[in-house]
PDB file of N, CA and C in Angstrom:
ATOM      1  N   MET A   1      26.172 110.881 250.813  1.00  0.00           N
ATOM      2  CA  MET A   1      25.838 109.762 251.912  1.00  0.00           C
ATOM      3  C   MET A   1      24.657 109.704 251.627  1.00  0.00           C
ATOM      4  N   LYS A   2      23.989 108.405 251.561  1.00  0.00           N
ATOM      5  CA  LYS A   2      22.589 107.999 251.583  1.00  0.00           C
ATOM      6  C   LYS A   2      22.005 108.108 253.330  1.00  0.00           C
ATOM      7  N   THR A   3      20.689 108.241 253.299  1.00  0.00           N
ATOM      8  CA  THR A   3      20.088 108.474 254.371  1.00  0.00           C
ATOM      9  C   THR A   3      19.659 106.998 254.585  1.00  0.00           C
ATOM     10  N   HIS A   4      19.298 107.145 256.242  1.00  0.00           N
ATOM     11  CA  HIS A   4      18.688 105.403 256.402  1.00  0.00           C
ATOM     12  C   HIS A   4      17.507 105.868 257.162  1.00  0.00           C
ATOM     13  N   VAL A   5      16.951 106.383 256.720  1.00  0.00           N
ATOM     14  CA  VAL A   5      15.050 106.848 256.946  1.00  0.00           C
ATOM     15  C   VAL A   5      14.658 105.500 256.472  1.00  0.00           C
ATOM     16  N   HIS A   6      13.887 104.623 257.322  1.00  0.00           N
ATOM     17  CA  HIS A   6      12.866 103.919 256.744  1.00  0.00           C
ATOM     18  C   HIS A   6      11.729 103.992 256.315  1.00  0.00           C
ATOM     19  N   THR A   7      11.238 104.015 255.067  1.00  0.00           N
ATOM     20  CA  THR A   7      10.089 104.517 254.434  1.00  0.00           C
ATOM     21  C   THR A   7       9.215 103.359 253.833  1.00  0.00           C
ATOM     22  N   SER A   8       8.272 103.554 253.463  1.00  0.00           N
ATOM     23  CA  SER A   8       7.251 102.009 252.947  1.00  0.00           C
ATOM     24  C   SER A   8       7.527 102.299 251.608  1.00  0.00           C
ATOM     25  N   GLN A   9       6.739 101.201 250.583  1.00  0.00           N
ATOM     26  CA  GLN A   9       7.084 101.495 249.340  1.00  0.00           C
ATOM     27  C   GLN A   9       6.242 102.660 248.670  1.00  0.00           C
ATOM     28  N   SER A  10       4.852 102.923 249.276  1.00  0.00           N
ATOM     29  CA  SER A  10       4.022 103.992 249.000  1.00  0.00           C
ATOM     30  C   SER A  10       5.201 105.233 249.057  1.00  0.00           C
ATOM     31  N   GLN A  11       5.487 105.595 250.301  1.00  0.00           N
ATOM     32  CA  GLN A  11       6.071 106.788 250.328  1.00  0.00           C
ATOM     33  C   GLN A  11       7.129 107.023 249.428  1.00  0.00           C
ATOM     34  N   ASP A  12       8.269 105.906 249.126  1.00  0.00           N
ATOM     35  CA  ASP A  12       9.149 105.800 247.999  1.00  0.00           C
ATOM     36  C   ASP A  12       8.675 106.100 246.900  1.00  0.00           C
ATOM     37  N   ASP A  13       7.459 105.458 246.357  1.00  0.00           N
ATOM     38  CA  ASP A  13       6.694 106.089 245.158  1.00  0.00           C
ATOM     39  C   ASP A  13       6.247 107.564 245.071  1.00  0.00           C
ATOM     40  N   TYR A  14       5.737 108.309 246.133  1.00  0.00           N
ATOM     41  CA  TYR A  14       5.395 109.512 246.498  1.00  0.00           C
ATOM     42  C   TYR A  14       6.727 110.315 245.778  1.00  0.00           C
ATOM     43  N   LEU A  15       7.756 109.847 246.699  1.00  0.00           N
ATOM     44  CA  LEU A  15       9.083 111.130 246.715  1.00  0.00           C
ATOM     45  C   LEU A  15       9.350 110.860 245.347  1.00  0.00           C
ATOM     46  N   GLU A  16       9.520 109.682 245.063  1.00  0.00           N
ATOM     47  CA  GLU A  16      10.106 109.268 243.562  1.00  0.00           C
ATOM     48  C   GLU A  16       9.486 110.116 242.281  1.00  0.00           C
ATOM     49  N   ALA A  17       8.127 110.490 242.879  1.00  0.00           N
ATOM     50  CA  ALA A  17       6.913 111.120 241.696  1.00  0.00           C
ATOM     51  C   ALA A  17       7.002 112.749 242.127  1.00  0.00           C
ATOM     52  N   ILE A  18       7.323 113.013 243.135  1.00  0.00           N
ATOM     53  CA  ILE A  18       7.816 114.603 243.347  1.00  0.00           C
ATOM     54  C   ILE A  18       8.788 114.830 242.931  1.00  0.00           C
ATOM     55  N   LEU A  19       9.818 114.356 243.013  1.00  0.00           N
ATOM     56  CA  LEU A  19      11.064 114.413 242.252  1.00  0.00           C
ATOM     57  C   LEU A  19      10.859 114.637 240.685  1.00  0.00           C
ATOM     58  N   LYS A  20      10.164 113.927 240.156  1.00  0.00           N
ATOM     59  CA  LYS A  20      10.098 113.405 238.642  1.00  0.00           C
ATOM     60  C   LYS A  20       9.439 114.808 238.200  1.00  0.00           C
ATOM     61  N   ILE A  21       8.359 115.193 238.777  1.00  0.00           N
ATOM     62  CA  ILE A  21       7.589 116.281 238.416  1.00  0.00           C
ATOM     63  C   ILE A  21       8.230 117.526 238.531  1.00  0.00           C
ATOM     64  N   THR A  22       8.600 117.515 239.716  1.00  0.00           N
ATOM     65  CA  THR A  22       9.641 118.782 240.113  1.00  0.00           C
ATOM     66  C   THR A  22      10.399 119.440 238.447  1.00  0.00           C
ATOM     67  N   ASN A  23      11.442 118.139 238.652  1.00  0.00           N
ATOM     68  CA  ASN A  23      12.292 117.965 237.605  1.00  0.00           C
ATOM     69  C   ASN A  23      11.652 118.245 236.069  1.00  0.00           C
ATOM     70  N   GLU A  24      10.841 117.911 235.934  1.00  0.00           N
ATOM     71  CA  GLU A  24      10.274 118.339 234.624  1.00  0.00           C
ATOM     72  C   GLU A  24       9.298 119.493 234.183  1.00  0.00           C
ATOM     73  N   THR A  25       8.919 120.109 235.832  1.00  0.00           N
ATOM     74  CA  THR A  25       8.153 121.366 235.318  1.00  0.00           C
ATOM     75  C   THR A  25       8.785 122.404 236.540  1.00  0.00           C
ATOM     76  N   GLY A  26       9.440 121.997 237.314  1.00  0.00           N
ATOM     77  CA  GLY A  26      10.186 123.175 238.204  1.00  0.00           C
ATOM     78  C   GLY A  26       9.472 123.279 239.564  1.00  0.00           C
ATOM     79  N   PHE A  27       8.220 122.506 239.833  1.00  0.00           N
ATOM     80  CA  PHE A  27       7.475 122.635 241.004  1.00  0.00           C
ATOM     81  C   PHE A  27       6.413 121.349 241.018  1.00  0.00           C
ATOM     82  N   CYS A  28       5.995 121.219 241.785  1.00  0.00           N
ATOM     83  CA  CYS A  28       5.208 119.742 242.280  1.00  0.00           C
ATOM     84  C   CYS A  28       3.927 120.302 243.543  1.00  0.00           C
ATOM     85  N   ARG A  29       2.796 120.507 243.017  1.00  0.00           N
ATOM     86  CA  ARG A  29       1.529 120.740 243.967  1.00  0.00           C
ATOM     87  C   ARG A  29       0.800 119.408 244.147  1.00  0.00           C
ATOM     88  N   SER A  30       0.300 119.286 245.001  1.00  0.00           N
ATOM     89  CA  SER A  30      -0.561 118.156 245.513  1.00  0.00           C
ATOM     90  C   SER A  30      -1.612 117.477 244.174  1.00  0.00           C
ATOM     91  N   ILE A  31      -2.048 118.317 243.619  1.00  0.00           N
ATOM     92  CA  ILE A  31      -2.833 118.090 242.326  1.00  0.00           C
ATOM     93  C   ILE A  31      -1.893 117.268 241.221  1.00  0.00           C
ATOM     94  N   ASP A  32      -0.765 118.192 241.079  1.00  0.00           N
ATOM     95  CA  ASP A  32       0.282 117.274 240.139  1.00  0.00           C
ATOM     96  C   ASP A  32       0.460 115.788 240.135  1.00  0.00           C
ATOM     97  N   LEU A  33       0.632 116.096 241.664  1.00  0.00           N
ATOM     98  CA  LEU A  33       0.993 114.616 242.520  1.00  0.00           C
ATOM     99  C   LEU A  33      -0.190 113.653 241.787  1.00  0.00           C
ATOM    100  N   ALA A  34      -1.363 113.776 242.499  1.00  0.00           N
ATOM    101  CA  ALA A  34      -2.723 113.162 242.458  1.00  0.00           C
ATOM    102  C   ALA A  34      -2.711 112.756 240.669  1.00  0.00           C
ATOM    103  N   ASN A  35      -2.384 113.543 239.834  1.00  0.00           N
ATOM    104  CA  ASN A  35      -2.945 113.500 238.332  1.00  0.00           C
ATOM    105  C   ASN A  35      -1.499 112.453 237.694  1.00  0.00           C
ATOM    106  N   HIS A  36      -0.420 112.508 238.245  1.00  0.00           N
ATOM    107  CA  HIS A  36       0.828 111.849 237.743  1.00  0.00           C
ATOM    108  C   HIS A  36       0.597 110.529 238.190  1.00  0.00           C
ATOM    109  N   LEU A  37       0.226 110.245 239.321  1.00  0.00           N
ATOM    110  CA  LEU A  37       0.264 108.803 240.122  1.00  0.00           C
ATOM    111  C   LEU A  37      -1.148 108.057 239.640  1.00  0.00           C
ATOM    112  N   GLY A  38      -1.903 109.205 239.413  1.00  0.00           N
ATOM    113  CA  GLY A  38      -3.846 108.266 239.190  1.00  0.00           C
ATOM    114  C   GLY A  38      -4.376 108.050 240.269  1.00  0.00           C
ATOM    115  N   TYR A  39      -4.198 108.757 241.588  1.00  0.00           N
ATOM    116  CA  TYR A  39      -4.943 108.825 242.685  1.00  0.00           C
ATOM    117  C   TYR A  39      -6.120 109.902 242.843  1.00  0.00           C
ATOM    118  N   ALA A  40      -6.481 109.414 244.070  1.00  0.00           N
ATOM    119  CA  ALA A  40      -7.859 110.720 244.392  1.00  0.00           C
ATOM    120  C   ALA A  40      -6.961 111.423 245.135  1.00  0.00           C
ATOM    121  N   THR A  41      -7.439 113.032 245.158  1.00  0.00           N
ATOM    122  CA  THR A  41      -6.793 114.060 245.973  1.00  0.00           C
ATOM    123  C   THR A  41      -6.650 113.812 247.248  1.00  0.00           C
ATOM    124  N   SER A  42      -7.939 112.877 247.578  1.00  0.00           N
ATOM    125  CA  SER A  42      -7.761 113.015 249.201  1.00  0.00           C
ATOM    126  C   SER A  42      -7.036 111.776 249.390  1.00  0.00           C
ATOM    127  N   SER A  43      -6.854 110.754 248.647  1.00  0.00           N
ATOM    128  CA  SER A  43      -5.543 109.909 249.030  1.00  0.00           C
ATOM    129  C   SER A  43      -4.099 110.677 249.079  1.00  0.00           C
ATOM    130  N   VAL A  44      -4.024 111.419 248.278  1.00  0.00           N
ATOM    131  CA  VAL A  44      -2.632 112.061 248.373  1.00  0.00           C
ATOM    132  C   VAL A  44      -2.595 113.263 249.062  1.00  0.00           C
ATOM    133  N   SER A  45      -3.560 113.558 249.430  1.00  0.00           N
ATOM    134  CA  SER A  45      -3.468 114.671 250.842  1.00  0.00           C
ATOM    135  C   SER A  45      -3.003 113.738 252.256  1.00  0.00           C
ATOM    136  N   ILE A  46      -3.531 112.503 252.302  1.00  0.00           N
ATOM    137  CA  ILE A  46      -3.148 111.894 253.651  1.00  0.00           C
ATOM    138  C   ILE A  46      -2.035 111.627 253.222  1.00  0.00           C
ATOM    139  N   ALA A  47      -1.261 111.038 252.278  1.00  0.00           N
ATOM    140  CA  ALA A  47      -0.041 110.615 252.175  1.00  0.00           C
ATOM    141  C   ALA A  47       0.992 111.725 252.033  1.00  0.00           C
ATOM    142  N   VAL A  48       0.920 112.827 251.698  1.00  0.00           N
ATOM    143  CA  VAL A  48       1.362 114.069 251.790  1.00  0.00           C
ATOM    144  C   VAL A  48       1.952 114.432 253.213  1.00  0.00           C
ATOM    145  N   GLY A  49       0.213 114.233 254.134  1.00  0.00           N
ATOM    146  CA  GLY A  49       0.501 114.580 255.290  1.00  0.00           C
ATOM    147  C   GLY A  49       1.380 113.598 256.400  1.00  0.00           C
ATOM    148  N   LYS A  50       1.620 112.713 255.923  1.00  0.00           N
ATOM    149  CA  LYS A  50       2.666 111.679 256.459  1.00  0.00           C
ATOM    150  C   LYS A  50       3.853 112.151 255.986  1.00  0.00           C
ATOM    151  N   LEU A  51       4.038 112.367 254.868  1.00  0.00           N
ATOM    152  CA  LEU A  51       5.625 112.668 254.501  1.00  0.00           C
ATOM    153  C   LEU A  51       5.983 113.894 255.246  1.00  0.00           C
ATOM    154  N   LEU A  52       5.235 114.896 255.105  1.00  0.00           N
ATOM    155  CA  LEU A  52       4.934 116.303 256.111  1.00  0.00           C
ATOM    156  C   LEU A  52       5.445 115.857 257.282  1.00  0.00           C
ATOM    157  N   LYS A  53       4.701 114.917 258.045  1.00  0.00           N
ATOM    158  CA  LYS A  53       5.007 114.670 259.651  1.00  0.00           C
ATOM    159  C   LYS A  53       6.273 113.569 259.585  1.00  0.00           C
ATOM    160  N   ALA A  54       6.785 113.251 258.753  1.00  0.00           N
ATOM    161  CA  ALA A  54       8.197 112.431 258.375  1.00  0.00           C
ATOM    162  C   ALA A  54       9.620 113.167 258.144  1.00  0.00           C
ATOM    163  N   ALA A  55       9.109 114.645 258.072  1.00  0.00           N
ATOM    164  CA  ALA A  55      10.104 115.785 257.589  1.00  0.00           C
ATOM    165  C   ALA A  55      10.716 115.155 256.439  1.00  0.00           C
ATOM    166  N   LEU A  56      10.288 114.605 255.359  1.00  0.00           N
ATOM    167  CA  LEU A  56      10.606 114.297 253.765  1.00  0.00           C
ATOM    168  C   LEU A  56      10.139 115.125 252.769  1.00  0.00           C
ATOM    169  N   VAL A  57       9.110 116.175 253.217  1.00  0.00           N
ATOM    170  CA  VAL A  57       8.734 116.803 252.558  1.00  0.00           C
ATOM    171  C   VAL A  57       8.343 118.432 253.206  1.00  0.00           C
ATOM    172  N   GLU A  58       8.514 119.543 252.619  1.00  0.00           N
ATOM    173  CA  GLU A  58       7.903 120.528 253.177  1.00  0.00           C
ATOM    174  C   GLU A  58       6.848 121.424 251.912  1.00  0.00           C
ATOM    175  N   ARG A  59       6.353 122.575 252.631  1.00  0.00           N
ATOM    176  CA  ARG A  59       5.396 123.165 251.869  1.00  0.00           C
ATOM    177  C   ARG A  59       6.149 124.501 251.523  1.00  0.00           C
ATOM    178  N   GLY A  60       6.271 124.851 250.311  1.00  0.00           N
ATOM    179  CA  GLY A  60       6.831 126.084 249.782  1.00  0.00           C
ATOM    180  C   GLY A  60       5.810 127.162 250.095  1.00  0.00           C
ATOM    181  N   ARG A  61       6.347 128.604 249.625  1.00  0.00           N
ATOM    182  CA  ARG A  61       5.374 129.475 250.101  1.00  0.00           C
ATOM    183  C   ARG A  61       4.013 129.489 249.286  1.00  0.00           C
ATOM    184  N   ALA A  62       4.677 128.627 247.861  1.00  0.00           N
ATOM    185  CA  ALA A  62       3.026 128.934 247.042  1.00  0.00           C
ATOM    186  C   ALA A  62       2.098 127.419 247.484  1.00  0.00           C
ATOM    187  N   GLY A  63       2.729 126.770 248.201  1.00  0.00           N
ATOM    188  CA  GLY A  63       1.952 125.377 248.587  1.00  0.00           C
ATOM    189  C   GLY A  63       2.756 124.141 248.122  1.00  0.00           C
ATOM    190  N   GLU A  64       3.398 124.476 246.960  1.00  0.00           N
ATOM    191  CA  GLU A  64       4.311 123.458 246.717  1.00  0.00           C
ATOM    192  C   GLU A  64       4.688 122.588 247.434  1.00  0.00           C
ATOM    193  N   LEU A  65       4.942 121.274 246.712  1.00  0.00           N
ATOM    194  CA  LEU A  65       6.093 120.136 247.656  1.00  0.00           C
ATOM    195  C   LEU A  65       7.237 120.632 247.449  1.00  0.00           C
ATOM    196  N   LEU A  66       7.879 120.564 248.484  1.00  0.00           N
ATOM    197  CA  LEU A  66       9.454 120.743 248.451  1.00  0.00           C
ATOM    198  C   LEU A  66      10.011 119.248 249.362  1.00  0.00           C
ATOM    199  N   LEU A  67      11.247 118.768 248.372  1.00  0.00           N
ATOM    200  CA  LEU A  67      11.794 117.491 249.269  1.00  0.00           C
ATOM    201  C   LEU A  67      12.640 118.006 250.359  1.00  0.00           C
ATOM    202  N   THR A  68      12.566 117.378 251.509  1.00  0.00           N
ATOM    203  CA  THR A  68      13.709 117.986 252.324  1.00  0.00           C
ATOM    204  C   THR A  68      15.196 116.730 251.627  1.00  0.00           C
ATOM    205  N   GLU A  69      15.965 117.428 252.457  1.00  0.00           N
ATOM    206  CA  GLU A  69      17.514 116.492 252.335  1.00  0.00           C
ATOM    207  C   GLU A  69      17.157 115.282 252.193  1.00  0.00           C
ATOM    208  N   ALA A  70      16.737 114.791 253.445  1.00  0.00           N
ATOM    209  CA  ALA A  70      16.533 113.413 253.424  1.00  0.00           C
ATOM    210  C   ALA A  70      15.469 112.730 252.194  1.00  0.00           C
ATOM    211  N   GLY A  71      14.032 113.646 252.243  1.00  0.00           N
ATOM    212  CA  GLY A  71      13.461 113.245 251.043  1.00  0.00           C
ATOM    213  C   GLY A  71      14.108 113.347 249.776  1.00  0.00           C
ATOM    214  N   ARG A  72      14.938 113.842 249.477  1.00  0.00           N
ATOM    215  CA  ARG A  72      15.699 114.170 248.081  1.00  0.00           C
ATOM    216  C   ARG A  72      16.505 112.947 247.823  1.00  0.00           C
ATOM    217  N   GLN A  73      17.119 112.342 249.012  1.00  0.00           N
ATOM    218  CA  GLN A  73      18.253 111.423 248.896  1.00  0.00           C
ATOM    219  C   GLN A  73      17.511 109.985 248.788  1.00  0.00           C
ATOM    220  N   ILE A  74      16.270 109.803 249.199  1.00  0.00           N
ATOM    221  CA  ILE A  74      15.146 108.522 248.930  1.00  0.00           C
ATOM    222  C   ILE A  74      14.959 108.697 247.547  1.00  0.00           C
ATOM    223  N   ALA A  75      14.207 109.804 247.086  1.00  0.00           N
ATOM    224  CA  ALA A  75      13.796 110.137 245.760  1.00  0.00           C
ATOM    225  C   ALA A  75      14.725 109.652 244.700  1.00  0.00           C
ATOM    226  N   GLU A  76      15.743 110.255 244.895  1.00  0.00           N
ATOM    227  CA  GLU A  76      17.213 109.943 243.863  1.00  0.00           C
ATOM    228  C   GLU A  76      17.667 108.592 244.046  1.00  0.00           C
ATOM    229  N   SER A  77      17.450 108.089 245.450  1.00  0.00           N
ATOM    230  CA  SER A  77      18.117 106.683 245.214  1.00  0.00           C
ATOM    231  C   SER A  77      17.072 105.612 244.493  1.00  0.00           C
ATOM    232  N   VAL A  78      15.629 105.766 244.509  1.00  0.00           N
ATOM    233  CA  VAL A  78      14.480 105.207 243.946  1.00  0.00           C
ATOM    234  C   VAL A  78      14.759 105.272 242.643  1.00  0.00           C
ATOM    235  N   LEU A  79      14.752 106.534 242.237  1.00  0.00           N
ATOM    236  CA  LEU A  79      14.871 107.019 240.935  1.00  0.00           C
ATOM    237  C   LEU A  79      16.021 106.440 239.956  1.00  0.00           C
ATOM    238  N   GLU A  80      17.237 106.203 240.873  1.00  0.00           N
ATOM    239  CA  GLU A  80      18.319 105.514 239.878  1.00  0.00           C
ATOM    240  C   GLU A  80      18.299 104.303 239.770  1.00  0.00           C
ATOM    241  N   LYS A  81      17.751 103.490 240.951  1.00  0.00           N
ATOM    242  CA  LYS A  81      17.171 102.070 240.646  1.00  0.00           C
ATOM    243  C   LYS A  81      16.552 101.957 239.706  1.00  0.00           C
ATOM    244  N   HIS A  82      15.225 102.486 239.538  1.00  0.00           N
ATOM    245  CA  HIS A  82      14.391 102.655 238.502  1.00  0.00           C
ATOM    246  C   HIS A  82      14.751 102.676 237.179  1.00  0.00           C
ATOM    247  N   GLN A  83      15.461 103.751 237.064  1.00  0.00           N
ATOM    248  CA  GLN A  83      16.041 104.132 235.970  1.00  0.00           C
ATOM    249  C   GLN A  83      16.967 102.834 235.050  1.00  0.00           C
ATOM    250  N   PHE A  84      17.832 102.529 236.188  1.00  0.00           N
ATOM    251  CA  PHE A  84      18.851 101.659 236.041  1.00  0.00           C
ATOM    252  C   PHE A  84      18.216 100.133 235.496  1.00  0.00           C
ATOM    253  N   PHE A  85      17.167  99.764 236.508  1.00  0.00           N
ATOM    254  CA  PHE A  85      16.555  98.493 235.958  1.00  0.00           C
ATOM    255  C   PHE A  85      15.937  98.532 234.505  1.00  0.00           C
ATOM    256  N   SER A  86      15.150  99.550 234.398  1.00  0.00           N
ATOM    257  CA  SER A  86      14.294  99.889 233.315  1.00  0.00           C
ATOM    258  C   SER A  86      15.116  99.878 232.172  1.00  0.00           C
ATOM    259  N   THR A  87      16.607 100.307 231.998  1.00  0.00           N
ATOM    260  CA  THR A  87      17.515 100.557 230.828  1.00  0.00           C
ATOM    261  C   THR A  87      17.916  99.231 230.632  1.00  0.00           C
ATOM    262  N   TRP A  88      18.476  98.299 231.714  1.00  0.00           N
ATOM    263  CA  TRP A  88      19.166  97.258 231.733  1.00  0.00           C
ATOM    264  C   TRP A  88      18.231  96.201 231.113  1.00  0.00           C
ATOM    265  N   LEU A  89      17.054  96.111 231.749  1.00  0.00           N
ATOM    266  CA  LEU A  89      16.157  94.883 231.387  1.00  0.00           C
ATOM    267  C   LEU A  89      15.727  95.328 229.899  1.00  0.00           C
ATOM    268  N   THR A  90      15.480  96.499 229.280  1.00  0.00           N
ATOM    269  CA  THR A  90      15.227  97.031 227.797  1.00  0.00           C
ATOM    270  C   THR A  90      16.474  96.386 227.406  1.00  0.00           C
ATOM    271  N   SER A  91      17.476  96.749 227.413  1.00  0.00           N
ATOM    272  CA  SER A  91      18.648  96.544 226.884  1.00  0.00           C
ATOM    273  C   SER A  91      19.017  94.882 226.649  1.00  0.00           C
ATOM    274  N   ILE A  92      18.863  94.057 227.310  1.00  0.00           N
ATOM    275  CA  ILE A  92      19.001  92.599 227.258  1.00  0.00           C
ATOM    276  C   ILE A  92      17.646  91.709 226.417  1.00  0.00           C
ATOM    277  N   GLY A  93      16.811  92.567 226.139  1.00  0.00           N
ATOM    278  CA  GLY A  93      15.412  92.408 225.073  1.00  0.00           C
ATOM    279  C   GLY A  93      14.167  92.269 225.994  1.00  0.00           C
ATOM    280  N   VAL A  94      13.968  93.001 227.133  1.00  0.00           N
ATOM    281  CA  VAL A  94      12.892  92.634 227.601  1.00  0.00           C
ATOM    282  C   VAL A  94      11.846  93.888 226.952  1.00  0.00           C
ATOM    283  N   ASP A  95      10.556  93.658 226.641  1.00  0.00           N
ATOM    284  CA  ASP A  95       9.967  94.635 226.352  1.00  0.00           C
ATOM    285  C   ASP A  95       9.778  95.819 227.216  1.00  0.00           C
ATOM    286  N   PRO A  96       9.828  97.072 226.897  1.00  0.00           N
ATOM    287  CA  PRO A  96      10.036  98.579 227.426  1.00  0.00           C
ATOM    288  C   PRO A  96       8.834  98.402 228.217  1.00  0.00           C
ATOM    289  N   GLU A  97       7.643  98.286 228.087  1.00  0.00           N
ATOM    290  CA  GLU A  97       6.308  98.134 229.197  1.00  0.00           C
ATOM    291  C   GLU A  97       6.487  97.245 230.111  1.00  0.00           C
ATOM    292  N   ILE A  98       6.942  95.805 229.504  1.00  0.00           N
ATOM    293  CA  ILE A  98       7.313  95.144 231.002  1.00  0.00           C
ATOM    294  C   ILE A  98       8.618  95.431 231.644  1.00  0.00           C
ATOM    295  N   ALA A  99       9.377  95.875 231.516  1.00  0.00           N
ATOM    296  CA  ALA A  99      10.953  96.600 232.001  1.00  0.00           C
ATOM    297  C   ALA A  99      10.372  97.560 232.900  1.00  0.00           C
ATOM    298  N   GLU A 100       9.584  98.413 232.136  1.00  0.00           N
ATOM    299  CA  GLU A 100       9.135  99.414 233.229  1.00  0.00           C
ATOM    300  C   GLU A 100       8.494  99.247 234.623  1.00  0.00           C
ATOM    301  N   ASN A 101       7.568  98.171 234.520  1.00  0.00           N
ATOM    302  CA  ASN A 101       6.763  97.707 235.278  1.00  0.00           C
ATOM    303  C   ASN A 101       7.500  96.743 236.178  1.00  0.00           C
ATOM    304  N   ASP A 102       8.745  96.041 235.575  1.00  0.00           N
ATOM    305  CA  ASP A 102       9.503  94.929 236.497  1.00  0.00           C
ATOM    306  C   ASP A 102      10.450  96.119 237.435  1.00  0.00           C
ATOM    307  N   ALA A 103      10.849  97.382 236.877  1.00  0.00           N
ATOM    308  CA  ALA A 103      11.973  97.962 237.512  1.00  0.00           C
ATOM    309  C   ALA A 103      10.931  98.963 238.702  1.00  0.00           C
ATOM    310  N   CYS A 104       9.622  98.925 238.608  1.00  0.00           N
ATOM    311  CA  CYS A 104       8.993  99.322 239.327  1.00  0.00           C
ATOM    312  C   CYS A 104       8.703  98.462 240.684  1.00  0.00           C
ATOM    313  N   HIS A 105       8.826  97.501 240.618  1.00  0.00           N
ATOM    314  CA  HIS A 105       8.669  96.219 241.673  1.00  0.00           C
ATOM    315  C   HIS A 105      10.590  96.137 242.184  1.00  0.00           C
ATOM    316  N   MET A 106      11.582  95.875 241.325  1.00  0.00           N
ATOM    317  CA  MET A 106      12.576  95.707 241.724  1.00  0.00           C
ATOM    318  C   MET A 106      13.341  96.704 242.515  1.00  0.00           C
ATOM    319  N   GLU A 107      12.899  98.072 242.209  1.00  0.00           N
ATOM    320  CA  GLU A 107      13.417  99.529 243.027  1.00  0.00           C
ATOM    321  C   GLU A 107      13.347  99.516 244.244  1.00  0.00           C
ATOM    322  N   HIS A 108      12.394  98.666 244.772  1.00  0.00           N
ATOM    323  CA  HIS A 108      11.491  98.490 246.392  1.00  0.00           C
ATOM    324  C   HIS A 108      12.241  97.193 246.957  1.00  0.00           C
ATOM    325  N   ALA A 109      12.646  96.014 246.162  1.00  0.00           N
ATOM    326  CA  ALA A 109      13.131  94.760 246.996  1.00  0.00           C
ATOM    327  C   ALA A 109      14.475  94.748 246.813  1.00  0.00           C
ATOM    328  N   ILE A 110      15.049  95.632 246.469  1.00  0.00           N
ATOM    329  CA  ILE A 110      16.754  95.447 246.866  1.00  0.00           C
ATOM    330  C   ILE A 110      17.281  96.386 247.377  1.00  0.00           C
ATOM    331  N   SER A 111      18.333  96.385 248.585  1.00  0.00           N
ATOM    332  CA  SER A 111      18.889  96.913 249.435  1.00  0.00           C
ATOM    333  C   SER A 111      20.081  98.008 248.315  1.00  0.00           C
ATOM    334  N   ASP A 112      20.202  98.766 248.954  1.00  0.00           N
ATOM    335  CA  ASP A 112      21.155  99.991 248.338  1.00  0.00           C
ATOM    336  C   ASP A 112      22.404  98.951 248.214  1.00  0.00           C
ATOM    337  N   THR A 113      23.020  98.264 249.252  1.00  0.00           N
ATOM    338  CA  THR A 113      24.343  97.720 249.334  1.00  0.00           C
ATOM    339  C   THR A 113      24.124  96.780 247.881  1.00  0.00           C
ATOM    340  N   SER A 114      22.986  95.766 247.620  1.00  0.00           N
ATOM    341  CA  SER A 114      23.093  94.846 246.729  1.00  0.00           C
ATOM    342  C   SER A 114      23.285  95.551 245.437  1.00  0.00           C
ATOM    343  N   PHE A 115      22.185  96.407 245.269  1.00  0.00           N
ATOM    344  CA  PHE A 115      22.356  97.461 244.058  1.00  0.00           C
ATOM    345  C   PHE A 115      23.429  98.011 243.817  1.00  0.00           C
ATOM    346  N   ASP A 116      24.511  98.587 244.602  1.00  0.00           N
ATOM    347  CA  ASP A 116      25.455  98.933 244.332  1.00  0.00           C
ATOM    348  C   ASP A 116      26.590  97.999 243.620  1.00  0.00           C
ATOM    349  N   LYS A 117      26.388  96.765 244.242  1.00  0.00           N
ATOM    350  CA  LYS A 117      27.279  95.820 244.013  1.00  0.00           C
ATOM    351  C   LYS A 117      26.793  95.099 242.286  1.00  0.00           C
ATOM    352  N   LEU A 118      25.778  95.306 242.257  1.00  0.00           N
ATOM    353  CA  LEU A 118      24.937  94.772 241.319  1.00  0.00           C
ATOM    354  C   LEU A 118      25.157  95.804 240.091  1.00  0.00           C
ATOM    355  N   LYS A 119      25.170  96.967 240.486  1.00  0.00           N
ATOM    356  CA  LYS A 119      25.591  98.042 239.378  1.00  0.00           C
ATOM    357  C   LYS A 119      26.805  97.869 238.912  1.00  0.00           C
ATOM    358  N   ALA A 120      27.734  97.740 239.891  1.00  0.00           N
ATOM    359  CA  ALA A 120      29.255  98.075 239.490  1.00  0.00           C
ATOM    360  C   ALA A 120      29.461  96.694 238.737  1.00  0.00           C
ATOM    361  N   HIS A 121      28.957  95.608 239.283  1.00  0.00           N
ATOM    362  CA  HIS A 121      29.542  94.141 238.452  1.00  0.00           C
ATOM    363  C   HIS A 121      28.444  94.384 236.777  1.00  0.00           C
ATOM    364  N   ILE A 122      27.216  94.794 236.864  1.00  0.00           N
ATOM    365  CA  ILE A 122      26.859  95.012 235.205  1.00  0.00           C
ATOM    366  C   ILE A 122      27.542  96.059 234.387  1.00  0.00           C
ATOM    367  N   CYS A 123      27.788  97.231 235.155  1.00  0.00           N
ATOM    368  CA  CYS A 123      28.799  98.197 234.404  1.00  0.00           C
ATOM    369  C   CYS A 123      30.305  97.927 233.760  1.00  0.00           C
ATOM    370  N   GLN A 124      30.648  96.927 234.633  1.00  0.00           N
ATOM    371  CA  GLN A 124      31.918  96.677 234.477  1.00  0.00           C
ATOM    372  C   GLN A 124      32.113  95.569 233.487  1.00  0.00           C
ATOM    373  N   SER A 125      31.112  94.763 233.234  1.00  0.00           N
ATOM    374  CA  SER A 125      30.720  93.784 231.951  1.00  0.00           C
ATOM    375  C   SER A 125      31.050  94.276 230.608  1.00  0.00           C
TER     376      SER A 125
END
């Protein structure tokens, strides 16, 4: 079941990055997030504070960032959209770098309902 927590594009990007980093390395610290996104640690600290306050992430025993169930649902949804659009655009001949950039925008612009319908339509073709 998808969560209905309203998040900003920036929060979505942070949650997606935490998920990606955790999947790749097994854990995600604030410094890992800053390096991955290319942001200053001070900016990441502020954003993480907002995610903690919104109960989308928690701090682990070693200070790592852990997605809550709500945070994980959002991150997985954003990542699924990103991967789908990037793969689909590349498959129809869009340059991979452009497809990646466009996917970053498209993942935020489409509702879950429209995405599910579009994905079903494209995948049945």
